[in-house]
Every structure is written in structure tokens, then in C-alpha cells.
Amino acid sequence: MYNLDLDRVVGEIRKNKAKKVLIQLPDGLKPRAETIVDYVEKHTKSRVFLWLGSCYGGCDIPNTGLLKFDLIIQFGHNKFVKEEL
């Protein structure tokens, strides 16, 4: 149904040697959250956490307060498109 490119996610986690990863999903992808977390944890050595708060786009980075993460991964419904001026 969706092409989430989870192998790319796994590659980024490995490249960054991230141990604590936060994944932020828009509401439309939250029903797939368990599948995403299971896949990522199975293929990396990281502990994955989900941001269950709001997500209004790629610039809406979660305020995690005192919680520190090695990597934040945001999923969206659309690609970012660089517009030539």
C-alpha cells in the first residue's frame, strides 16, 4: 500500500550508529506503526520510540524535552520537491 523504504531507514540508522531512534509518523501512517518499529528493531541494534503527538510536516520536529535521541526519522505522505526559482 505504501512504499516506506524501510531498508533506507535501516541504512541511515546503521550509518549513524544510532542506538535510540525516534520515529514520527503522520496520522495516516500511525496504523502501520507496529510493523515499522518491528522491522527497524529486527534489522538494527537500536531501540525505537514513536512520537504519538501531532505532525504537521517535515518542519514539525518533536520537542522531546529531556529525552535525547541519536536520530529522529520523520515519515510523510509526500516527497519534498525543490522548486527552481
C-alpha atoms as a PDB file:
ATOM      1  CA  MET A   1       0.000   0.000   0.000  1.00  0.00           C
ATOM      2  CA  TYR A   2       2.800   2.437   0.939  1.00  0.00           C
ATOM      3  CA  ASN A   3       6.440   2.354  -0.067  1.00  0.00           C
ATOM      4  CA  LEU A   4       8.054   3.249   3.244  1.00  0.00           C
ATOM      5  CA  ASP A   5      11.586   2.352   2.086  1.00  0.00           C
ATOM      6  CA  LEU A   6      12.417   0.776   5.432  1.00  0.00           C
ATOM      7  CA  ASP A   7      15.725  -0.527   4.091  1.00  0.00           C
ATOM      8  CA  ARG A   8      16.805   3.085   3.657  1.00  0.00           C
ATOM      9  CA  VAL A   9      15.743   3.795   7.254  1.00  0.00           C
ATOM     10  CA  VAL A  10      17.802   0.822   8.448  1.00  0.00           C
ATOM     11  CA  GLY A  11      20.757   2.062   6.398  1.00  0.00           C
ATOM     12  CA  GLU A  12      20.589   5.538   7.946  1.00  0.00           C
ATOM     13  CA  ILE A  13      20.399   4.105  11.448  1.00  0.00           C
ATOM     14  CA  ARG A  14      23.425   1.903  10.794  1.00  0.00           C
ATOM     15  CA  LYS A  15      25.356   4.719   9.110  1.00  0.00           C
ATOM     16  CA  ASN A  16      24.741   6.999  12.107  1.00  0.00           C
ATOM     17  CA  LYS A  17      25.316   4.182  14.630  1.00  0.00           C
ATOM     18  CA  ALA A  18      22.110   5.299  16.327  1.00  0.00           C
ATOM     19  CA  LYS A  19      21.079   3.373  19.426  1.00  0.00           C
ATOM     20  CA  LYS A  20      17.995   5.417  20.377  1.00  0.00           C
ATOM     21  CA  VAL A  21      15.757   6.332  17.439  1.00  0.00           C
ATOM     22  CA  LEU A  22      12.559   8.361  17.433  1.00  0.00           C
ATOM     23  CA  ILE A  23      10.119   7.805  14.567  1.00  0.00           C
ATOM     24  CA  GLN A  24       7.498  10.436  13.821  1.00  0.00           C
ATOM     25  CA  LEU A  25       4.513   9.419  11.696  1.00  0.00           C
ATOM     26  CA  PRO A  26       1.610  11.395  10.287  1.00  0.00           C
ATOM     27  CA  ASP A  27      -1.829  10.192  11.367  1.00  0.00           C
ATOM     28  CA  GLY A  28      -2.381   8.242   8.146  1.00  0.00           C
ATOM     29  CA  LEU A  29       0.655   6.044   8.832  1.00  0.00           C
ATOM     30  CA  LYS A  30       0.125   5.512  12.574  1.00  0.00           C
ATOM     31  CA  PRO A  31      -1.851   2.284  11.957  1.00  0.00           C
ATOM     32  CA  ARG A  32       1.393   0.874  10.459  1.00  0.00           C
ATOM     33  CA  ALA A  33       3.497   1.921  13.475  1.00  0.00           C
ATOM     34  CA  GLU A  34       3.904  -1.547  14.984  1.00  0.00           C
ATOM     35  CA  THR A  35       5.040  -3.010  11.656  1.00  0.00           C
ATOM     36  CA  ILE A  36       7.561  -0.193  11.177  1.00  0.00           C
ATOM     37  CA  VAL A  37       9.014  -0.475  14.684  1.00  0.00           C
ATOM     38  CA  ASP A  38       9.242  -4.268  14.498  1.00  0.00           C
ATOM     39  CA  TYR A  39      11.067  -4.148  11.155  1.00  0.00           C
ATOM     40  CA  VAL A  40      13.544  -1.482  12.235  1.00  0.00           C
ATOM     41  CA  GLU A  41      14.341  -3.134  15.566  1.00  0.00           C
ATOM     42  CA  LYS A  42      14.734  -6.534  13.880  1.00  0.00           C
ATOM     43  CA  HIS A  43      17.264  -5.163  11.365  1.00  0.00           C
ATOM     44  CA  THR A  44      19.239  -2.822  13.655  1.00  0.00           C
ATOM     45  CA  LYS A  45      20.540  -2.823  17.190  1.00  0.00           C
ATOM     46  CA  SER A  46      18.531   0.278  18.069  1.00  0.00           C
ATOM     47  CA  ARG A  47      15.677   0.862  20.412  1.00  0.00           C
ATOM     48  CA  VAL A  48      12.866   2.582  18.541  1.00  0.00           C
ATOM     49  CA  PHE A  49      10.392   5.015  20.091  1.00  0.00           C
ATOM     50  CA  LEU A  50       7.324   6.523  18.476  1.00  0.00           C
ATOM     51  CA  TRP A  51       6.227  10.129  18.609  1.00  0.00           C
ATOM     52  CA  LEU A  52       2.465   9.942  19.030  1.00  0.00           C
ATOM     53  CA  GLY A  53       1.897  13.681  19.141  1.00  0.00           C
ATOM     54  CA  SER A  54       0.956  15.889  16.231  1.00  0.00           C
ATOM     55  CA  CYS A  55       2.887  16.075  12.987  1.00  0.00           C
ATOM     56  CA  TYR A  56       2.284  18.999  10.648  1.00  0.00           C
ATOM     57  CA  GLY A  57       5.018  18.268   8.150  1.00  0.00           C
ATOM     58  CA  GLY A  58       8.762  17.906   7.855  1.00  0.00           C
ATOM     59  CA  CYS A  59       9.458  21.127   9.743  1.00  0.00           C
ATOM     60  CA  ASP A  60       7.464  19.924  12.775  1.00  0.00           C
ATOM     61  CA  ILE A  61      10.291  18.348  14.754  1.00  0.00           C
ATOM     62  CA  PRO A  62       9.105  16.834  18.043  1.00  0.00           C
ATOM     63  CA  ASN A  63      10.033  18.641  21.233  1.00  0.00           C
ATOM     64  CA  THR A  64      11.327  15.708  23.250  1.00  0.00           C
ATOM     65  CA  GLY A  65      12.304  17.754  26.281  1.00  0.00           C
ATOM     66  CA  LEU A  66      14.966  15.997  28.312  1.00  0.00           C
ATOM     67  CA  LEU A  67      14.741  12.793  26.296  1.00  0.00           C
ATOM     68  CA  LYS A  68      17.712  12.513  23.966  1.00  0.00           C
ATOM     69  CA  PHE A  69      17.693  10.536  20.723  1.00  0.00           C
ATOM     70  CA  ASP A  70      20.553   9.705  18.396  1.00  0.00           C
ATOM     71  CA  LEU A  71      18.327  10.033  15.338  1.00  0.00           C
ATOM     72  CA  ILE A  72      14.843  11.291  14.510  1.00  0.00           C
ATOM     73  CA  ILE A  73      13.147   9.824  11.451  1.00  0.00           C
ATOM     74  CA  GLN A  74      10.099  11.532  10.022  1.00  0.00           C
ATOM     75  CA  PHE A  75       7.726   9.912   7.569  1.00  0.00           C
ATOM     76  CA  GLY A  76       5.353  11.890   5.390  1.00  0.00           C
ATOM     77  CA  HIS A  77       2.783  11.333   2.718  1.00  0.00           C
ATOM     78  CA  ASN A  78       4.552  13.333   0.015  1.00  0.00           C
ATOM     79  CA  LYS A  79       8.077  13.907  -1.208  1.00  0.00           C
ATOM     80  CA  PHE A  80       9.711  17.255  -0.666  1.00  0.00           C
ATOM     81  CA  VAL A  81      10.050  18.928  -4.025  1.00  0.00           C
ATOM     82  CA  LYS A  82      12.704  21.543  -4.574  1.00  0.00           C
ATOM     83  CA  GLU A  83      11.182  24.263  -6.675  1.00  0.00           C
ATOM     84  CA  GLU A  84      13.508  26.048  -9.056  1.00  0.00           C
ATOM     85  CA  LEU A  85      13.031  29.820  -9.000  1.00  0.00           C
END
